[in-house]
N, C-alpha and C. Protein backbone atom coordinates (compact mmCIF):
# COMPACT_ATOMS: atom_id res chain seq x y z
N MET A 1 53.86 18.69 48.18
CA MET A 1 52.49 18.52 48.69
C MET A 1 52.26 19.70 49.69
N LYS A 2 51.30 20.38 49.57
CA LYS A 2 51.01 21.55 50.66
C LYS A 2 50.67 20.89 51.93
N ARG A 3 51.08 21.65 52.98
CA ARG A 3 50.93 21.02 54.23
C ARG A 3 49.50 20.80 54.59
N TRP A 4 48.43 21.52 54.01
CA TRP A 4 47.13 21.16 54.55
C TRP A 4 46.60 19.83 53.81
N VAL A 5 47.22 19.64 52.77
CA VAL A 5 46.81 18.38 52.18
C VAL A 5 47.27 17.15 53.16
N ILE A 6 48.37 17.20 53.95
CA ILE A 6 48.60 16.14 54.81
C ILE A 6 47.50 16.14 55.92
N LEU A 7 46.97 17.34 56.15
CA LEU A 7 45.90 17.20 57.29
C LEU A 7 44.64 16.58 56.75
N THR A 8 44.47 16.76 55.39
CA THR A 8 43.23 16.30 54.84
C THR A 8 43.13 14.77 54.87
N ILE A 9 44.26 14.08 54.55
CA ILE A 9 44.22 12.62 54.09
C ILE A 9 43.87 12.05 55.73
N ILE A 10 43.58 15.00 56.35
CA ILE A 10 43.13 15.07 57.65
C ILE A 10 41.81 15.21 57.28
N VAL A 11 44.51 14.91 70.23
CA VAL A 11 45.13 14.85 71.46
C VAL A 11 45.44 13.24 72.35
N MET A 12 49.46 6.51 80.53
CA MET A 12 50.26 5.28 80.59
C MET A 12 49.42 4.04 81.02
N ALA A 13 49.40 3.07 80.14
CA ALA A 13 48.63 1.95 80.41
C ALA A 13 49.51 0.76 80.14
N ALA A 14 49.37 -0.39 80.88
CA ALA A 14 50.15 -1.55 80.63
C ALA A 14 50.03 -2.17 79.42
N GLY A 15 51.01 -2.67 78.90
CA GLY A 15 50.94 -3.42 77.61
C GLY A 15 49.76 -4.57 77.47
N ALA A 16 49.93 -5.23 78.57
CA ALA A 16 48.78 -6.42 78.77
C ALA A 16 47.35 -5.77 78.65
N ALA A 17 46.98 -4.66 79.21
CA ALA A 17 45.72 -4.08 79.30
C ALA A 17 45.34 -3.70 77.80
N LEU A 18 46.26 -3.43 76.83
CA LEU A 18 46.00 -3.14 75.43
C LEU A 18 46.05 -4.17 74.47
N ALA A 19 46.22 -5.52 74.99
CA ALA A 19 46.43 -6.52 74.12
C ALA A 19 45.18 -6.61 73.16
N LEU A 20 45.29 -6.99 71.92
CA LEU A 20 44.24 -7.07 70.92
C LEU A 20 43.41 -8.39 71.17
N THR A 21 42.07 -8.36 71.11
CA THR A 21 41.24 -9.52 71.16
C THR A 21 40.55 -9.72 69.80
N ALA A 22 40.13 -8.58 69.18
CA ALA A 22 39.37 -8.69 67.77
C ALA A 22 40.29 -9.12 66.75
N PRO A 23 39.95 -10.14 65.94
CA PRO A 23 40.68 -10.52 64.94
C PRO A 23 40.90 -9.69 63.67
N THR A 24 39.72 -8.84 63.39
CA THR A 24 39.63 -8.08 62.42
C THR A 24 39.11 -6.58 62.75
N ALA A 25 39.43 -5.75 61.77
CA ALA A 25 38.94 -4.41 61.99
C ALA A 25 37.49 -4.23 61.41
N LYS A 26 36.73 -3.20 61.85
CA LYS A 26 35.44 -3.03 61.43
C LYS A 26 35.62 -2.40 60.09
N VAL A 27 34.84 -2.79 59.04
CA VAL A 27 34.94 -2.37 57.66
C VAL A 27 33.56 -1.91 57.24
N TYR A 28 33.33 -0.74 56.84
CA TYR A 28 32.28 -0.04 56.40
C TYR A 28 31.79 -0.36 55.08
N SER A 29 30.67 -0.78 54.84
CA SER A 29 30.13 -1.20 53.43
C SER A 29 30.19 0.08 52.52
N ALA A 30 30.68 -0.18 51.44
CA ALA A 30 30.61 0.98 50.49
C ALA A 30 29.18 1.32 50.04
N ASP A 31 28.43 0.31 50.22
CA ASP A 31 26.92 0.43 49.72
C ASP A 31 26.10 1.12 50.71
N LYS A 32 26.69 1.26 51.95
CA LYS A 32 26.05 1.88 53.04
C LYS A 32 25.71 3.38 52.70
N GLU A 33 24.57 3.85 53.18
CA GLU A 33 24.16 5.35 52.97
C GLU A 33 25.12 6.08 53.94
N GLN A 34 25.73 7.23 53.37
CA GLN A 34 26.53 8.13 54.03
C GLN A 34 25.87 8.85 55.27
N ARG A 35 26.62 8.76 56.40
CA ARG A 35 25.97 9.58 57.49
C ARG A 35 25.90 10.93 57.33
N PHE A 36 27.10 11.48 56.66
CA PHE A 36 27.12 12.82 56.24
C PHE A 36 27.24 12.91 54.77
N PRO A 37 26.14 12.89 53.88
CA PRO A 37 26.34 13.00 52.48
C PRO A 37 27.33 14.17 52.11
N GLN A 38 28.00 13.75 51.04
CA GLN A 38 28.96 14.72 50.49
C GLN A 38 28.31 16.11 50.17
N LEU A 39 28.78 17.21 50.75
CA LEU A 39 28.25 18.59 50.38
C LEU A 39 28.80 18.84 48.96
N LYS A 40 28.03 19.50 48.32
CA LYS A 40 28.34 20.26 46.94
C LYS A 40 28.56 21.75 47.18
N LEU A 41 29.26 22.35 46.28
CA LEU A 41 29.52 23.87 46.66
C LEU A 41 28.27 24.67 46.40
N GLU A 42 27.32 24.12 45.52
CA GLU A 42 26.13 24.98 45.22
C GLU A 42 25.11 24.70 46.46
N GLN A 43 25.61 23.81 47.43
CA GLN A 43 24.53 23.52 48.45
C GLN A 43 24.87 24.31 49.65
N LEU A 44 26.14 24.96 49.67
CA LEU A 44 26.74 25.71 50.74
C LEU A 44 25.81 27.07 51.14
N ASN A 45 25.60 27.24 52.43
CA ASN A 45 25.05 28.40 52.76
C ASN A 45 26.02 29.54 52.94
N ASP A 46 25.58 30.81 53.41
CA ASP A 46 26.49 31.86 53.61
C ASP A 46 27.40 31.78 54.64
N GLN A 47 27.19 30.84 55.68
CA GLN A 47 28.25 30.64 56.53
C GLN A 47 29.34 29.62 56.24
N GLN A 48 28.71 28.70 55.37
CA GLN A 48 29.77 27.73 54.91
C GLN A 48 30.61 27.98 53.81
N ARG A 49 30.24 28.87 52.89
CA ARG A 49 30.97 29.27 51.75
C ARG A 49 32.26 29.87 51.90
N PRO A 50 32.42 30.90 52.83
CA PRO A 50 33.79 31.50 53.14
C PRO A 50 34.73 30.45 53.65
N PHE A 51 34.29 29.51 54.55
CA PHE A 51 35.06 28.46 55.03
C PHE A 51 35.45 27.53 53.98
N ALA A 52 34.68 27.22 52.94
CA ALA A 52 35.03 26.53 51.81
C ALA A 52 35.92 27.07 50.92
N ASP A 53 35.93 28.43 50.80
CA ASP A 53 36.87 29.18 50.06
C ASP A 53 38.44 28.97 50.67
N GLU A 54 38.28 29.00 51.91
CA GLU A 54 39.63 28.83 52.70
C GLU A 54 40.12 27.55 52.42
N ILE A 55 39.34 26.56 52.50
CA ILE A 55 39.75 25.02 52.23
C ILE A 55 40.20 24.83 50.81
N LEU A 56 39.55 25.55 49.70
CA LEU A 56 39.94 25.17 48.43
C LEU A 56 41.15 25.95 48.07
N LYS A 57 41.77 26.81 49.01
CA LYS A 57 43.06 27.45 48.66
C LYS A 57 44.10 26.43 48.78
N VAL A 58 43.97 25.38 49.64
CA VAL A 58 45.07 24.75 50.02
C VAL A 58 44.69 23.07 49.98
N SER A 59 43.43 22.79 49.47
CA SER A 59 43.12 21.35 49.51
C SER A 59 43.17 20.79 48.00
N SER A 60 43.82 19.58 47.78
CA SER A 60 43.83 18.92 46.53
C SER A 60 42.59 18.12 46.23
N ILE A 61 41.74 17.82 47.38
CA ILE A 61 40.60 17.08 47.28
C ILE A 61 39.39 17.83 47.57
N GLY A 62 39.37 18.94 47.29
CA GLY A 62 38.23 19.80 47.35
C GLY A 62 37.70 19.84 48.75
N ILE A 63 36.23 19.77 48.99
CA ILE A 63 35.81 19.72 50.34
C ILE A 63 35.30 18.43 50.74
N THR A 64 35.99 17.36 50.28
CA THR A 64 35.76 15.82 50.70
C THR A 64 36.52 15.72 51.96
N GLY A 65 36.40 14.34 52.32
CA GLY A 65 37.19 14.01 53.52
C GLY A 65 36.80 14.74 54.82
N PRO A 66 37.68 15.05 55.71
CA PRO A 66 37.31 15.73 57.04
C PRO A 66 36.57 17.03 56.71
N TYR A 67 36.76 17.64 55.69
CA TYR A 67 36.12 18.98 55.39
C TYR A 67 34.55 18.77 55.31
N ASN A 68 34.32 17.69 54.75
CA ASN A 68 32.81 17.49 54.59
C ASN A 68 32.11 17.41 56.01
N SER A 69 32.83 16.95 56.99
CA SER A 69 32.20 17.02 58.36
C SER A 69 32.39 18.37 58.87
N MET A 70 33.53 19.07 58.78
CA MET A 70 33.59 20.24 59.46
C MET A 70 32.88 21.33 58.85
N LEU A 71 32.50 21.27 57.74
CA LEU A 71 31.57 22.16 57.02
C LEU A 71 30.23 22.16 57.58
N ARG A 72 29.94 21.21 58.32
CA ARG A 72 28.56 21.07 58.90
C ARG A 72 28.54 22.24 60.14
N SER A 73 29.59 22.49 60.76
CA SER A 73 29.68 23.53 61.63
C SER A 73 30.71 24.47 61.32
N PRO A 74 30.51 25.31 60.40
CA PRO A 74 31.57 26.16 59.71
C PRO A 74 32.40 27.11 60.66
N VAL A 75 31.73 27.66 61.62
CA VAL A 75 32.53 28.37 62.71
C VAL A 75 33.55 27.60 63.35
N MET A 76 33.02 26.60 63.99
CA MET A 76 33.77 25.53 64.68
C MET A 76 34.98 24.88 63.66
N GLY A 77 34.44 24.63 62.43
CA GLY A 77 35.44 24.10 61.56
C GLY A 77 36.52 24.94 61.09
N GLN A 78 36.33 26.08 61.15
CA GLN A 78 37.37 27.32 60.67
C GLN A 78 38.30 27.38 61.82
N ARG A 79 37.79 27.24 63.11
CA ARG A 79 38.70 27.21 64.19
C ARG A 79 39.50 25.99 64.39
N LEU A 80 38.90 24.89 64.05
CA LEU A 80 39.72 23.65 64.03
C LEU A 80 40.65 23.61 63.01
N PHE A 81 40.37 24.11 61.88
CA PHE A 81 41.25 24.20 60.79
C PHE A 81 42.40 24.99 61.12
N ASN A 82 42.35 26.18 61.92
CA ASN A 82 43.41 26.91 62.40
C ASN A 82 44.20 26.22 63.48
N LEU A 83 43.56 25.52 64.38
CA LEU A 83 44.18 24.82 65.42
C LEU A 83 44.92 23.61 64.91
N LEU A 84 44.36 22.96 63.84
CA LEU A 84 45.13 21.89 63.15
C LEU A 84 46.63 22.54 62.60
N ASP A 85 46.43 23.66 62.04
CA ASP A 85 47.77 24.26 61.55
C ASP A 85 48.75 24.31 62.51
N TYR A 86 48.32 24.92 63.82
CA TYR A 86 49.19 24.96 64.80
C TYR A 86 49.92 23.70 65.22
N VAL A 87 49.08 22.80 65.64
CA VAL A 87 49.36 21.45 66.39
C VAL A 87 50.12 20.66 65.38
N ARG A 88 50.09 20.88 64.09
CA ARG A 88 50.74 20.02 63.07
C ARG A 88 52.21 20.84 62.87
N PHE A 89 52.12 22.05 62.57
CA PHE A 89 53.24 22.70 61.84
C PHE A 89 53.80 23.79 62.56
N ASN A 90 53.38 24.20 63.66
CA ASN A 90 53.95 25.31 64.48
C ASN A 90 54.10 24.89 65.92
N THR A 91 53.87 23.70 66.19
CA THR A 91 53.96 23.21 67.81
C THR A 91 55.44 23.28 68.25
N SER A 92 55.41 23.48 69.59
CA SER A 92 56.89 23.45 70.08
C SER A 92 57.31 22.03 70.29
N VAL A 93 56.60 21.00 70.05
CA VAL A 93 56.89 19.55 70.17
C VAL A 93 57.63 19.15 68.93
N PRO A 94 58.87 18.53 69.10
CA PRO A 94 59.55 17.97 67.95
C PRO A 94 58.67 17.04 66.96
N ARG A 95 58.88 17.18 65.82
CA ARG A 95 58.02 16.58 64.80
C ARG A 95 57.87 15.08 64.96
N LYS A 96 58.87 14.31 65.26
CA LYS A 96 58.85 12.85 65.62
C LYS A 96 57.92 12.61 66.65
N LEU A 97 58.00 13.40 67.80
CA LEU A 97 57.24 13.12 68.97
C LEU A 97 55.93 13.44 68.74
N ASN A 98 55.71 14.60 67.93
CA ASN A 98 54.39 15.03 67.74
C ASN A 98 53.60 14.07 67.01
N GLU A 99 54.12 13.54 65.98
CA GLU A 99 53.50 12.46 65.17
C GLU A 99 53.19 11.25 65.90
N PHE A 100 54.17 10.89 66.92
CA PHE A 100 53.87 9.71 67.73
C PHE A 100 52.60 9.94 68.71
N ALA A 101 52.58 11.17 69.14
CA ALA A 101 51.41 11.41 69.95
C ALA A 101 50.08 11.43 69.09
N ILE A 102 50.03 11.61 67.94
CA ILE A 102 49.00 11.56 67.00
C ILE A 102 48.66 9.97 66.68
N LEU A 103 49.75 9.28 66.59
CA LEU A 103 49.46 7.84 66.36
C LEU A 103 48.96 7.23 67.72
N ILE A 104 49.33 7.66 68.78
CA ILE A 104 48.72 7.08 70.04
C ILE A 104 47.26 7.14 70.01
N GLN A 105 46.81 8.51 69.59
CA GLN A 105 45.39 8.70 69.59
C GLN A 105 44.54 7.89 68.43
N ALA A 106 45.26 7.79 67.23
CA ALA A 106 44.78 7.03 66.23
C ALA A 106 44.56 5.57 66.74
N ARG A 107 45.47 5.04 67.60
CA ARG A 107 45.51 3.54 67.92
C ARG A 107 44.49 3.44 68.90
N LEU A 108 44.45 4.43 69.91
CA LEU A 108 43.43 4.30 71.05
C LEU A 108 41.98 4.37 70.45
N TRP A 109 41.72 5.18 69.45
CA TRP A 109 40.30 5.33 68.73
C TRP A 109 40.08 4.48 67.62
N THR A 110 41.30 3.61 67.25
CA THR A 110 41.13 2.84 66.00
C THR A 110 40.58 3.69 64.88
N SER A 111 41.44 4.85 64.70
CA SER A 111 40.92 5.86 63.71
C SER A 111 41.81 5.38 62.46
N GLN A 112 41.21 4.47 61.55
CA GLN A 112 41.97 4.07 60.33
C GLN A 112 42.59 5.20 59.53
N VAL A 113 41.77 6.21 59.47
CA VAL A 113 42.32 7.33 58.47
C VAL A 113 43.38 8.12 59.05
N GLU A 114 43.43 8.25 60.46
CA GLU A 114 44.45 9.01 61.11
C GLU A 114 45.64 8.08 61.06
N TRP A 115 45.57 6.89 61.26
CA TRP A 115 46.91 6.03 61.26
C TRP A 115 47.38 5.99 59.82
N TYR A 116 46.51 5.68 58.84
CA TYR A 116 46.91 5.70 57.45
C TYR A 116 47.72 6.95 57.09
N ALA A 117 47.16 7.99 57.52
CA ALA A 117 47.68 9.37 57.11
C ALA A 117 49.06 9.60 57.78
N HIS A 118 48.98 9.27 59.00
CA HIS A 118 50.21 9.71 59.92
C HIS A 118 51.33 8.79 60.23
N TYR A 119 51.01 7.49 59.97
CA TYR A 119 52.18 6.54 60.03
C TYR A 119 53.26 6.93 59.22
N PRO A 120 53.23 7.08 57.95
CA PRO A 120 54.30 7.33 57.07
C PRO A 120 55.07 8.85 57.52
N LEU A 121 54.20 9.83 58.00
CA LEU A 121 54.75 10.98 58.48
C LEU A 121 55.49 10.79 59.69
N ALA A 122 55.17 9.82 60.63
CA ALA A 122 55.92 9.65 61.84
C ALA A 122 57.25 8.93 61.44
N ILE A 123 57.08 7.91 60.65
CA ILE A 123 58.38 7.15 60.26
C ILE A 123 59.39 8.18 59.54
N LYS A 124 58.90 9.05 58.70
CA LYS A 124 59.69 9.91 57.83
C LYS A 124 60.31 11.00 58.89
N ALA A 125 59.62 11.31 59.93
CA ALA A 125 60.18 12.20 60.99
C ALA A 125 61.22 11.51 61.91
N GLY A 126 61.32 10.23 61.75
CA GLY A 126 62.29 9.57 62.68
C GLY A 126 61.73 8.72 63.72
N LEU A 127 60.51 8.43 63.84
CA LEU A 127 59.95 7.38 64.85
C LEU A 127 60.50 5.97 64.46
N PRO A 128 61.11 5.21 65.16
CA PRO A 128 61.46 3.96 64.77
C PRO A 128 60.23 3.02 64.27
N GLU A 129 60.44 2.21 63.39
CA GLU A 129 59.45 1.45 62.75
C GLU A 129 58.96 0.39 63.84
N ALA A 130 59.93 -0.01 64.80
CA ALA A 130 59.69 -0.93 65.79
C ALA A 130 58.70 -0.39 66.88
N VAL A 131 58.86 0.99 67.12
CA VAL A 131 58.14 1.50 67.99
C VAL A 131 56.66 1.62 67.65
N ALA A 132 56.54 2.07 66.31
CA ALA A 132 54.98 2.06 65.69
C ALA A 132 54.51 0.75 65.62
N ALA A 133 55.29 -0.29 65.25
CA ALA A 133 54.69 -1.61 65.17
C ALA A 133 54.09 -2.25 66.47
N ASP A 134 54.88 -1.88 67.59
CA ASP A 134 54.23 -2.34 68.80
C ASP A 134 53.01 -1.62 69.18
N LEU A 135 53.19 -0.32 68.95
CA LEU A 135 51.87 0.50 69.18
C LEU A 135 50.74 0.05 68.43
N LYS A 136 50.94 -0.34 67.15
CA LYS A 136 49.98 -0.73 66.37
C LYS A 136 49.20 -2.07 66.75
N VAL A 137 49.77 -2.88 67.43
CA VAL A 137 49.28 -4.24 68.00
C VAL A 137 48.92 -4.06 69.46
N GLY A 138 48.88 -2.79 69.97
CA GLY A 138 48.43 -2.50 71.30
C GLY A 138 49.33 -2.83 72.31
N LYS A 139 50.68 -2.95 72.16
CA LYS A 139 51.68 -3.17 73.03
C LYS A 139 52.41 -1.78 73.58
N ARG A 140 52.84 -1.89 74.76
CA ARG A 140 53.76 -0.71 75.08
C ARG A 140 55.16 -0.89 74.39
N PRO A 141 55.51 -0.08 73.45
CA PRO A 141 56.81 -0.27 72.91
C PRO A 141 57.80 -0.64 73.72
N SER A 142 58.72 -1.69 73.26
CA SER A 142 59.89 -2.08 74.01
C SER A 142 61.11 -1.35 73.82
N SER A 143 61.22 -0.68 72.83
CA SER A 143 62.60 -0.09 72.46
C SER A 143 62.60 1.51 72.36
N MET A 144 61.82 2.03 73.13
CA MET A 144 61.65 3.62 73.06
C MET A 144 62.81 4.25 73.64
N GLN A 145 63.28 5.38 73.03
CA GLN A 145 64.13 6.30 73.74
C GLN A 145 63.39 7.05 74.81
N PRO A 146 64.28 7.61 75.85
CA PRO A 146 63.65 8.36 76.86
C PRO A 146 62.49 9.36 76.52
N ASP A 147 62.77 10.25 75.41
CA ASP A 147 61.80 11.13 74.99
C ASP A 147 60.51 10.52 74.44
N GLU A 148 60.67 9.37 73.73
CA GLU A 148 59.52 8.55 73.26
C GLU A 148 58.67 8.05 74.26
N ALA A 149 59.50 7.35 75.26
CA ALA A 149 58.68 6.71 76.48
C ALA A 149 58.13 7.79 77.33
N ALA A 150 58.49 8.95 77.38
CA ALA A 150 57.87 10.19 78.15
C ALA A 150 56.54 10.50 77.44
N VAL A 151 56.54 10.68 76.05
CA VAL A 151 55.42 11.01 75.34
C VAL A 151 54.33 9.90 75.46
N TYR A 152 54.76 8.69 75.32
CA TYR A 152 53.93 7.55 75.34
C TYR A 152 53.29 7.57 76.72
N ASP A 153 53.98 7.52 77.77
CA ASP A 153 53.37 7.33 79.23
C ASP A 153 52.54 8.48 79.54
N PHE A 154 52.94 9.68 79.11
CA PHE A 154 52.13 10.77 79.52
C PHE A 154 50.74 10.69 78.79
N CYS A 155 50.88 10.53 77.38
CA CYS A 155 49.64 10.54 76.52
C CYS A 155 48.79 9.43 76.92
N MET A 156 49.27 8.19 77.05
CA MET A 156 48.44 6.98 77.45
C MET A 156 47.77 7.18 78.70
N GLU A 157 48.48 7.67 79.76
CA GLU A 157 47.95 7.90 81.13
C GLU A 157 46.85 8.93 81.14
N LEU A 158 47.16 10.02 80.52
CA LEU A 158 46.08 11.08 80.50
C LEU A 158 44.86 10.62 79.52
N SER A 159 44.97 9.76 78.56
CA SER A 159 43.91 9.23 77.66
C SER A 159 43.06 8.03 78.26
N THR A 160 43.81 7.23 79.06
CA THR A 160 43.02 6.08 79.48
C THR A 160 42.61 6.25 80.92
N LYS A 161 43.52 7.00 81.77
CA LYS A 161 43.07 7.21 83.20
C LYS A 161 42.35 8.52 83.52
N HIS A 162 42.53 9.49 82.48
CA HIS A 162 41.98 10.88 82.54
C HIS A 162 42.63 11.63 83.54
N GLU A 163 43.95 11.35 83.92
CA GLU A 163 44.73 12.24 84.82
C GLU A 163 46.24 11.65 84.59
N VAL A 164 46.98 12.45 85.13
CA VAL A 164 48.49 12.26 84.96
C VAL A 164 49.12 12.17 86.45
N SER A 165 49.82 11.18 86.74
CA SER A 165 50.37 10.89 88.16
C SER A 165 51.45 11.92 88.35
N ASP A 166 51.96 12.16 89.56
CA ASP A 166 53.01 13.07 89.88
C ASP A 166 54.39 12.36 89.21
N ALA A 167 54.42 11.12 89.26
CA ALA A 167 55.69 10.56 88.78
C ALA A 167 55.70 10.69 87.25
N THR A 168 54.79 10.48 86.64
CA THR A 168 54.64 10.58 85.07
C THR A 168 54.86 12.12 84.80
N PHE A 169 54.17 12.99 85.40
CA PHE A 169 54.33 14.41 85.03
C PHE A 169 55.93 14.86 85.44
N LYS A 170 56.47 14.35 86.34
CA LYS A 170 57.96 14.72 86.79
C LYS A 170 58.77 14.31 85.74
N LYS A 171 58.58 13.00 85.28
CA LYS A 171 59.50 12.44 84.14
C LYS A 171 59.20 13.25 82.94
N THR A 172 58.03 13.69 82.74
CA THR A 172 57.73 14.49 81.35
C THR A 172 58.42 15.85 81.37
N ARG A 173 58.34 16.46 82.72
CA ARG A 173 58.91 17.68 82.78
C ARG A 173 60.51 17.83 82.76
N GLU A 174 61.11 16.68 83.05
CA GLU A 174 62.54 16.46 83.04
C GLU A 174 63.01 16.70 81.55
N LEU A 175 62.08 16.33 80.63
CA LEU A 175 62.41 16.32 79.30
C LEU A 175 61.93 17.28 78.32
N PHE A 176 60.80 17.97 78.83
CA PHE A 176 60.01 18.86 78.02
C PHE A 176 59.92 20.21 78.84
N SER A 177 59.74 21.25 78.17
CA SER A 177 59.35 22.57 78.73
C SER A 177 57.93 22.65 79.07
N GLU A 178 57.43 23.60 79.97
CA GLU A 178 55.98 23.91 80.19
C GLU A 178 55.14 23.94 78.91
N GLN A 179 55.64 24.68 77.95
CA GLN A 179 55.14 24.96 76.63
C GLN A 179 54.84 23.63 76.04
N GLN A 180 55.87 22.80 75.88
CA GLN A 180 55.91 21.49 75.06
C GLN A 180 54.91 20.57 75.80
N VAL A 181 54.70 20.55 77.06
CA VAL A 181 53.74 19.67 77.71
C VAL A 181 52.35 20.16 77.29
N ILE A 182 52.21 21.55 77.30
CA ILE A 182 50.75 21.97 76.99
C ILE A 182 50.53 21.75 75.52
N ASP A 183 51.62 21.84 74.66
CA ASP A 183 51.29 21.54 73.31
C ASP A 183 50.95 20.01 73.04
N LEU A 184 51.64 19.22 73.96
CA LEU A 184 51.40 17.81 73.80
C LEU A 184 50.01 17.44 74.15
N ILE A 185 49.49 18.05 75.15
CA ILE A 185 48.17 17.86 75.49
C ILE A 185 47.24 18.50 74.41
N ALA A 186 47.44 19.54 73.93
CA ALA A 186 46.68 19.93 72.76
C ALA A 186 46.68 19.26 71.48
N VAL A 187 47.77 18.71 71.09
CA VAL A 187 47.84 17.83 69.86
C VAL A 187 46.85 16.51 70.16
N SER A 188 47.19 15.99 71.35
CA SER A 188 46.31 14.79 71.78
C SER A 188 44.79 15.16 71.65
N GLY A 189 44.39 16.20 72.33
CA GLY A 189 42.96 16.44 72.29
C GLY A 189 42.35 16.80 70.96
N THR A 190 43.18 17.56 70.05
CA THR A 190 42.89 17.77 68.83
C THR A 190 42.58 16.59 68.08
N TYR A 191 43.39 15.65 68.12
CA TYR A 191 43.26 14.45 67.31
C TYR A 191 42.30 13.41 67.89
N ILE A 192 42.01 13.65 69.12
CA ILE A 192 40.90 12.91 69.66
C ILE A 192 39.62 13.34 68.88
N THR A 193 39.50 14.75 68.80
CA THR A 193 38.23 15.21 68.17
C THR A 193 38.23 14.86 66.76
N ALA A 194 39.52 14.76 66.07
CA ALA A 194 39.51 14.40 64.65
C ALA A 194 39.14 12.95 64.40
N ALA A 195 39.54 12.11 65.53
CA ALA A 195 39.30 10.76 65.35
C ALA A 195 37.63 10.51 65.62
N MET A 196 37.16 11.23 66.49
CA MET A 196 35.54 11.23 66.76
C MET A 196 34.86 11.53 65.63
N MET A 197 35.32 12.66 64.95
CA MET A 197 34.66 12.99 63.60
C MET A 197 34.83 11.95 62.48
N ALA A 198 35.86 11.33 62.29
CA ALA A 198 36.26 10.26 61.30
C ALA A 198 35.45 9.03 61.69
N ASN A 199 35.50 8.69 63.00
CA ASN A 199 34.65 7.45 63.21
C ASN A 199 33.14 7.63 63.17
N THR A 200 32.68 8.60 63.59
CA THR A 200 31.21 8.87 63.53
C THR A 200 30.75 9.17 62.03
N ALA A 201 31.58 9.57 61.18
CA ALA A 201 31.25 9.85 59.76
C ALA A 201 31.63 8.32 58.92
N GLU A 202 32.24 7.48 59.61
CA GLU A 202 32.63 6.19 59.10
C GLU A 202 33.53 6.53 57.89
N GLU A 203 34.59 7.25 58.05
CA GLU A 203 35.37 7.62 56.98
C GLU A 203 36.37 6.35 56.67
N GLN A 204 36.75 6.09 55.47
CA GLN A 204 37.45 4.95 55.06
C GLN A 204 38.75 5.35 54.51
N VAL A 205 39.72 4.47 54.55
CA VAL A 205 41.04 4.63 53.85
C VAL A 205 40.69 4.75 52.45
N PRO A 206 41.59 5.05 51.61
CA PRO A 206 41.38 5.16 50.12
C PRO A 206 41.00 3.78 49.42
N ALA A 207 40.14 3.80 48.44
CA ALA A 207 39.62 2.63 47.82
C ALA A 207 40.85 1.68 47.44
N GLY A 208 40.80 0.43 47.73
CA GLY A 208 41.79 -0.60 47.41
C GLY A 208 42.71 -0.87 48.47
N LYS A 209 42.77 0.20 49.58
CA LYS A 209 43.59 -0.09 50.77
C LYS A 209 43.08 -0.80 51.77
N THR A 210 43.95 -1.66 52.51
CA THR A 210 43.35 -2.37 53.63
C THR A 210 43.44 -1.54 55.05
N PRO A 211 42.27 -1.38 55.73
CA PRO A 211 42.31 -0.55 56.89
C PRO A 211 43.65 -1.17 57.77
N PRO A 212 44.51 -0.27 58.21
CA PRO A 212 45.70 -0.72 59.00
C PRO A 212 45.43 -1.33 60.41
N LEU A 213 44.52 -0.89 60.98
CA LEU A 213 44.25 -1.24 62.48
C LEU A 213 43.26 -2.38 62.86
N GLN A 214 43.51 -3.26 63.72
CA GLN A 214 42.52 -4.11 64.32
C GLN A 214 41.86 -3.38 65.55
N SER A 215 40.88 -3.84 65.99
CA SER A 215 40.15 -3.20 67.05
C SER A 215 40.77 -3.60 68.29
N LEU A 216 40.89 -2.66 69.36
CA LEU A 216 41.25 -2.93 70.72
C LEU A 216 40.02 -3.30 71.42
N PRO A 217 40.19 -4.00 72.66
CA PRO A 217 39.02 -4.30 73.38
C PRO A 217 38.42 -3.08 73.96
N SER A 218 37.06 -3.12 74.35
CA SER A 218 36.43 -1.92 74.90
C SER A 218 37.08 -1.64 76.13
N ARG A 219 37.12 -0.33 76.41
CA ARG A 219 37.82 0.24 77.65
C ARG A 219 36.70 0.49 78.63
């Protein structure tokens, strides 16, 4: 599978504060009118067409999925396309921890498509299933290794408090280089953007699959 196909299916809080209260996840009706109707190649304008050509070189699903949203702003979409390539495949952050950071944002945003796509990638990269299971239900994972705990605390604190304490930053820098810290911020922010797009477009997991996440309480 080509690496861009993986993108197609494409940035510390107490466990009690993240406890789930909603029994079920929001499910979008298949009969509901699409917020962003699927574009067809013949509809594309002169700005969209070159970006679509780049997508079609690597995509097995054509210009559907996230590309359907990104094509609405082709200059931004092309740049996001390039950024996703870096934060997924060329980042300085080890793959297991990079995928963990993506899952953290998928969980915080209840992005069903992000979790559906990246959960198996995170497990394959070496993230323990127990860690992912606790994250999935809104708990601070209890069995993390030091590097996993540093990523969790850094990403959660930055995402929920919108700042990073001196203590958290110090612990993170003890385990990661300056470049890795910056790349960790970048992957978190990039996948917040991806989650925003997916949730606004009401993107769904493949037909016949159950959305993996329940909703977290409002923050």
